[in-house]
């Protein structure tokens, strides 16, 4: 089960209830999947509480299995409650930093389009190892060097998807991301070179919102949208200061999809990004030579 979905127990309780009504109807998982037009593996994940079923699917599930109207209403209510959940960051940390990276990779694996907006830090899929190490260390001082190293390796492993050519990656970052010094000049220079290199890939689009841009919308937190997922619903992950939030609620997904488009429209791209990066790189070179 994804660690970000363990707060209230709604997915697990809903899954158990849906499995019960299926069994009462005398249907196998495969038979139900065919009637609902979804995969058997998705039925299994829902019943195990590993994936939240949207209210519309729960309604059809209840109808196909002949569940009483009162029970149907109860199941739909649980589905709506489970659509968006936050888990305490400390609880997620209990699984280990590396495990969190592997969980993120699982969410990304079935997505054909991955969009990421970050206002302060370089997106994880673009981070060089030393940048990632400093981010993990700063945010999690209680973890050992070996745990940090394992998390960095897992994050780098996630980045292999960038080169497979099986998905589209779209990044929007603020100019502050490029100027915020997570490490000394040589680390930031390596990080800028990494962004430039990845942006040259056909499947990757990197855009930057300049600090002097007039923007009619703003967000104090970053978010990722995993879209066009095979057999699964779109997923939005929002990382706040204290807890990550995962939602598959269609209304919220649509909100963040629209927000990303609007941010993308005001961001610099192509040669404009290179022109913005040049003075930043020159400043880092000067700072490095002064040391």
Protein backbone atom coordinates (compact mmCIF):
# COMPACT_ATOMS: atom_id res chain seq x y z
CA UNK A 1 0.00 0.00 0.00
CA UNK A 2 1.23 3.46 -0.79
CA UNK A 3 2.28 5.12 2.51
CA UNK A 4 0.46 8.36 1.71
CA UNK A 5 -2.86 6.51 1.79
CA UNK A 6 -2.79 5.10 5.30
CA UNK A 7 -4.24 7.89 7.44
CA UNK A 8 -7.91 7.13 7.98
CA UNK A 9 -8.23 3.50 6.91
CA UNK A 10 -11.01 4.43 4.46
CA UNK A 11 -9.41 2.64 1.47
CA UNK A 12 -8.94 -0.56 3.46
CA UNK A 13 -12.45 -0.46 4.95
CA UNK A 14 -13.96 0.34 1.57
CA UNK A 15 -11.99 -2.45 -0.08
CA UNK A 16 -13.13 -5.01 2.47
CA UNK A 17 -16.75 -3.93 2.02
CA UNK A 18 -16.55 -4.10 -1.76
CA UNK A 19 -14.99 -7.54 -1.58
CA UNK A 20 -17.86 -8.63 0.70
CA UNK A 21 -20.60 -7.49 -1.68
CA UNK A 22 -18.79 -9.17 -4.59
CA UNK A 23 -18.53 -12.44 -2.68
CA UNK A 24 -22.19 -12.20 -1.61
CA UNK A 25 -23.14 -11.86 -5.29
CA UNK A 26 -21.18 -15.02 -6.07
CA UNK A 27 -18.87 -13.27 -8.51
CA UNK A 28 -15.17 -13.88 -8.92
CA UNK A 29 -12.78 -10.98 -9.24
CA UNK A 30 -12.36 -11.77 -12.92
CA UNK A 31 -16.12 -11.89 -13.55
CA UNK A 32 -16.68 -8.57 -11.79
CA UNK A 33 -13.79 -6.95 -13.65
CA UNK A 34 -15.33 -7.93 -17.01
CA UNK A 35 -18.72 -6.49 -16.05
CA UNK A 36 -17.15 -3.24 -14.86
CA UNK A 37 -14.81 -2.96 -17.83
CA UNK A 38 -11.66 -2.80 -15.72
CA UNK A 39 -8.74 -5.17 -15.14
CA UNK A 40 -8.81 -7.97 -12.58
CA UNK A 41 -5.63 -6.56 -11.04
CA UNK A 42 -7.43 -3.26 -10.42
CA UNK A 43 -10.27 -5.08 -8.68
CA UNK A 44 -7.69 -6.82 -6.50
CA UNK A 45 -5.90 -3.56 -5.61
CA UNK A 46 -9.19 -1.91 -4.66
CA UNK A 47 -10.27 -4.80 -2.48
CA UNK A 48 -6.91 -4.84 -0.74
CA UNK A 49 -7.13 -1.11 -0.05
CA UNK A 50 -4.10 -0.41 -2.24
CA UNK A 51 -6.08 1.85 -4.57
CA UNK A 52 -9.01 4.13 -3.92
CA UNK A 53 -12.10 3.52 -6.06
CA UNK A 54 -13.87 6.64 -7.27
CA UNK A 55 -17.51 7.12 -6.31
CA UNK A 56 -18.79 6.40 -9.84
CA UNK A 57 -16.96 3.06 -9.96
CA UNK A 58 -18.26 2.15 -6.50
CA UNK A 59 -21.79 2.96 -7.64
CA UNK A 60 -21.46 0.64 -10.64
CA UNK A 61 -19.81 -2.01 -8.44
CA UNK A 62 -22.81 -1.92 -6.08
CA UNK A 63 -25.27 -2.09 -8.97
CA UNK A 64 -23.54 -5.05 -10.63
CA UNK A 65 -23.40 -6.98 -7.35
CA UNK A 66 -26.98 -6.13 -6.42
CA UNK A 67 -26.10 -4.38 -3.17
CA UNK A 68 -29.08 -2.84 -1.28
CA UNK A 69 -29.66 0.88 -1.86
CA UNK A 70 -28.70 1.75 1.73
CA UNK A 71 -25.45 -0.19 1.45
CA UNK A 72 -24.73 1.42 -1.92
CA UNK A 73 -25.09 4.90 -0.41
CA UNK A 74 -22.77 3.95 2.45
CA UNK A 75 -20.09 2.64 0.08
CA UNK A 76 -20.26 5.78 -2.06
CA UNK A 77 -19.85 7.91 1.06
CA UNK A 78 -16.71 5.99 2.02
CA UNK A 79 -15.35 6.38 -1.51
CA UNK A 80 -15.82 10.14 -1.37
CA UNK A 81 -14.06 10.31 2.02
CA UNK A 82 -11.16 8.23 0.72
CA UNK A 83 -10.67 10.28 -2.44
CA UNK A 84 -8.20 12.64 -0.82
CA UNK A 85 -6.06 11.72 2.18
CA UNK A 86 -3.03 13.05 3.98
CA UNK A 87 -0.67 10.99 6.14
CA UNK A 88 1.65 12.38 8.77
CA UNK A 89 5.10 12.74 7.24
CA UNK A 90 6.66 11.01 10.24
CA UNK A 91 4.50 7.93 9.63
CA UNK A 92 5.64 7.79 6.03
CA UNK A 93 9.24 8.23 7.12
CA UNK A 94 8.88 5.08 9.19
CA UNK A 95 9.00 3.14 5.94
CA UNK A 96 12.34 4.66 5.05
CA UNK A 97 13.37 7.36 2.63
CA UNK A 98 14.35 4.88 -0.06
CA UNK A 99 10.96 3.16 0.20
CA UNK A 100 9.23 6.51 -0.39
CA UNK A 101 11.22 6.95 -3.58
CA UNK A 102 10.24 3.47 -4.74
CA UNK A 103 6.59 4.26 -3.98
CA UNK A 104 6.88 7.39 -6.12
CA UNK A 105 8.38 5.34 -8.93
CA UNK A 106 5.43 2.93 -8.78
CA UNK A 107 3.02 5.84 -9.20
CA UNK A 108 5.05 7.15 -12.13
CA UNK A 109 5.50 3.77 -13.81
CA UNK A 110 1.98 3.62 -15.27
CA UNK A 111 1.79 7.30 -16.22
CA UNK A 112 2.23 8.40 -19.82
CA UNK A 113 2.41 12.07 -18.82
CA UNK A 114 4.14 13.41 -15.71
CA UNK A 115 3.91 17.11 -14.84
CA UNK A 116 5.73 18.81 -12.00
CA UNK A 117 5.63 22.36 -10.63
CA UNK A 118 8.19 23.44 -8.04
CA UNK A 119 8.56 26.99 -6.67
CA UNK A 120 11.70 26.50 -4.52
CA UNK A 121 13.56 23.22 -5.05
CA UNK A 122 14.63 21.36 -8.19
CA UNK A 123 12.12 18.57 -8.95
CA UNK A 124 13.34 15.18 -7.73
CA UNK A 125 13.46 13.74 -11.24
CA UNK A 126 15.98 16.43 -12.21
CA UNK A 127 18.22 16.42 -9.13
CA UNK A 128 21.89 15.44 -9.30
CA UNK A 129 22.97 13.06 -6.51
CA UNK A 130 24.75 15.65 -4.36
CA UNK A 131 21.82 18.07 -4.57
CA UNK A 132 19.46 15.23 -3.60
CA UNK A 133 21.69 14.21 -0.70
CA UNK A 134 21.64 17.72 0.72
CA UNK A 135 17.86 17.94 0.35
CA UNK A 136 17.34 14.63 2.15
CA UNK A 137 19.85 15.52 4.88
CA UNK A 138 18.38 18.97 5.54
CA UNK A 139 14.85 17.68 5.79
CA UNK A 140 15.60 14.53 7.75
CA UNK A 141 18.48 15.02 10.20
CA UNK A 142 17.48 11.92 12.15
CA UNK A 143 18.38 9.57 9.32
CA UNK A 144 21.74 7.84 9.10
CA UNK A 145 24.21 8.41 6.24
CA UNK A 146 23.41 4.95 4.88
CA UNK A 147 19.68 5.71 4.80
CA UNK A 148 20.35 8.99 3.02
CA UNK A 149 22.62 7.23 0.51
CA UNK A 150 19.93 4.60 -0.18
CA UNK A 151 17.34 7.35 -0.74
CA UNK A 152 19.64 9.17 -3.16
CA UNK A 153 20.25 5.96 -5.10
CA UNK A 154 16.51 5.28 -5.27
CA UNK A 155 15.84 8.82 -6.50
CA UNK A 156 18.48 8.48 -9.21
CA UNK A 157 16.93 5.13 -10.17
CA UNK A 158 13.57 6.90 -10.68
CA UNK A 159 15.25 9.15 -13.23
CA UNK A 160 15.89 6.26 -15.62
CA UNK A 161 12.31 6.72 -16.83
CA UNK A 162 13.36 10.03 -18.40
CA UNK A 163 15.46 8.14 -20.94
CA UNK A 164 13.06 5.32 -21.79
CA UNK A 165 11.03 7.42 -24.19
CA UNK A 166 7.77 5.89 -22.96
CA UNK A 167 6.43 8.95 -21.15
CA UNK A 168 6.17 12.72 -21.56
CA UNK A 169 7.71 14.89 -18.80
CA UNK A 170 6.77 18.52 -18.31
CA UNK A 171 8.44 20.66 -15.64
CA UNK A 172 7.67 24.21 -14.58
CA UNK A 173 9.97 25.77 -12.01
CA UNK A 174 10.45 29.28 -10.73
CA UNK A 175 13.65 31.25 -11.21
CA UNK A 176 14.03 31.00 -7.42
CA UNK A 177 14.68 27.27 -7.86
CA UNK A 178 17.78 28.08 -9.89
CA UNK A 179 19.04 30.68 -7.45
CA UNK A 180 18.31 28.94 -4.14
CA UNK A 181 21.70 27.54 -3.10
CA UNK A 182 21.10 24.14 -1.61
CA UNK A 183 24.85 23.63 -1.81
CA UNK A 184 28.07 25.46 -2.74
CA UNK A 185 28.60 26.88 -6.25
CA UNK A 186 30.04 23.69 -7.75
CA UNK A 187 26.95 21.72 -6.70
CA UNK A 188 24.61 24.32 -8.16
CA UNK A 189 26.61 24.49 -11.39
CA UNK A 190 26.37 20.71 -11.75
CA UNK A 191 22.64 20.99 -11.07
CA UNK A 192 22.13 23.66 -13.74
CA UNK A 193 24.09 21.55 -16.25
CA UNK A 194 21.87 18.60 -15.41
CA UNK A 195 18.70 20.62 -16.07
CA UNK A 196 20.08 21.84 -19.39
CA UNK A 197 21.03 18.30 -20.45
CA UNK A 198 17.66 16.75 -19.55
CA UNK A 199 15.78 19.61 -21.23
CA UNK A 200 17.40 18.59 -24.52
CA UNK A 201 15.55 15.24 -24.51
CA UNK A 202 12.64 15.00 -26.95
CA UNK A 203 10.30 13.70 -24.23
CA UNK A 204 11.11 16.47 -21.72
CA UNK A 205 9.90 20.06 -21.54
CA UNK A 206 11.45 22.36 -18.92
CA UNK A 207 10.08 25.86 -18.41
CA UNK A 208 11.05 28.60 -15.97
CA UNK A 209 8.91 31.39 -14.55
CA UNK A 210 11.15 34.46 -14.29
CA UNK A 211 10.93 36.43 -11.05
CA UNK A 212 9.85 39.58 -12.92
CA UNK A 213 6.97 37.85 -14.72
CA UNK A 214 3.43 39.08 -14.13
CA UNK A 215 1.58 36.00 -12.89
CA UNK A 216 -2.12 35.95 -12.09
CA UNK A 217 -1.85 32.74 -10.11
CA UNK A 218 0.56 31.48 -7.49
CA UNK A 219 1.15 28.44 -5.32
CA UNK A 220 3.33 28.26 -2.24
CA UNK A 221 3.80 24.52 -2.59
CA UNK A 222 4.87 22.25 -5.40
CA UNK A 223 2.75 19.52 -6.91
CA UNK A 224 3.12 16.58 -9.28
CA UNK A 225 0.47 15.23 -11.64
CA UNK A 226 0.74 11.67 -12.92
CA UNK A 227 -1.66 11.57 -15.85
CA UNK A 228 -2.78 9.11 -18.55
CA UNK A 229 -2.14 6.18 -16.21
CA UNK A 230 -2.70 2.69 -17.59
CA UNK A 231 -5.70 1.15 -15.80
CA UNK A 232 -5.46 3.74 -13.01
CA UNK A 233 -6.89 7.16 -12.26
CA UNK A 234 -4.76 10.33 -12.50
CA UNK A 235 -2.92 11.11 -9.27
CA UNK A 236 -1.87 14.47 -7.82
CA UNK A 237 0.75 14.60 -5.10
CA UNK A 238 1.10 17.81 -3.09
CA UNK A 239 3.98 18.10 -0.65
CA UNK A 240 3.25 20.60 2.13
CA UNK A 241 5.69 21.50 4.90
CA UNK A 242 4.33 18.84 7.25
CA UNK A 243 2.57 16.19 5.19
CA UNK A 244 2.26 14.93 1.63
CA UNK A 245 -1.26 14.78 0.21
CA UNK A 246 -2.31 12.36 -2.51
CA UNK A 247 -5.61 12.84 -4.30
CA UNK A 248 -7.42 11.12 -7.15
CA UNK A 249 -10.59 13.18 -6.75
CA UNK A 250 -11.57 14.27 -10.29
CA UNK A 251 -12.40 17.83 -9.24
CA UNK A 252 -9.06 18.33 -7.49
CA UNK A 253 -7.13 16.66 -10.31
CA UNK A 254 -8.82 19.02 -12.80
CA UNK A 255 -7.92 22.00 -10.60
CA UNK A 256 -4.22 21.13 -10.56
CA UNK A 257 -4.20 20.24 -14.25
CA UNK A 258 -5.60 23.68 -15.05
CA UNK A 259 -3.18 25.34 -12.63
CA UNK A 260 -0.23 23.67 -14.33
CA UNK A 261 -1.37 24.80 -17.77
CA UNK A 262 -1.68 28.40 -16.60
CA UNK A 263 1.75 28.33 -14.97
CA UNK A 264 3.23 26.73 -18.08
CA UNK A 265 1.78 29.44 -20.31
CA UNK A 266 3.62 32.28 -18.52
CA UNK A 267 6.92 30.40 -18.22
CA UNK A 268 9.97 30.87 -20.42
CA UNK A 269 10.99 27.99 -22.65
CA UNK A 270 13.58 27.05 -25.25
CA UNK A 271 16.29 29.66 -25.89
CA UNK A 272 14.65 31.99 -23.37
CA UNK A 273 15.56 29.57 -20.57
CA UNK A 274 19.17 29.51 -21.76
CA UNK A 275 19.29 33.30 -21.69
CA UNK A 276 17.97 33.32 -18.13
CA UNK A 277 20.46 30.68 -17.00
CA UNK A 278 23.53 32.44 -18.38
CA UNK A 279 23.86 35.22 -15.76
CA UNK A 280 23.03 32.74 -12.98
CA UNK A 281 25.85 30.43 -14.11
CA UNK A 282 28.25 33.38 -14.42
CA UNK A 283 27.42 34.41 -10.86
CA UNK A 284 28.12 30.91 -9.61
CA UNK A 285 31.45 30.78 -11.44
CA UNK A 286 32.45 34.07 -9.82
CA UNK A 287 31.41 32.83 -6.40
CA UNK A 288 33.41 29.64 -6.95
CA UNK A 289 36.55 31.54 -7.92
CA UNK A 290 36.26 33.79 -4.86
CA UNK A 291 36.44 30.79 -2.52
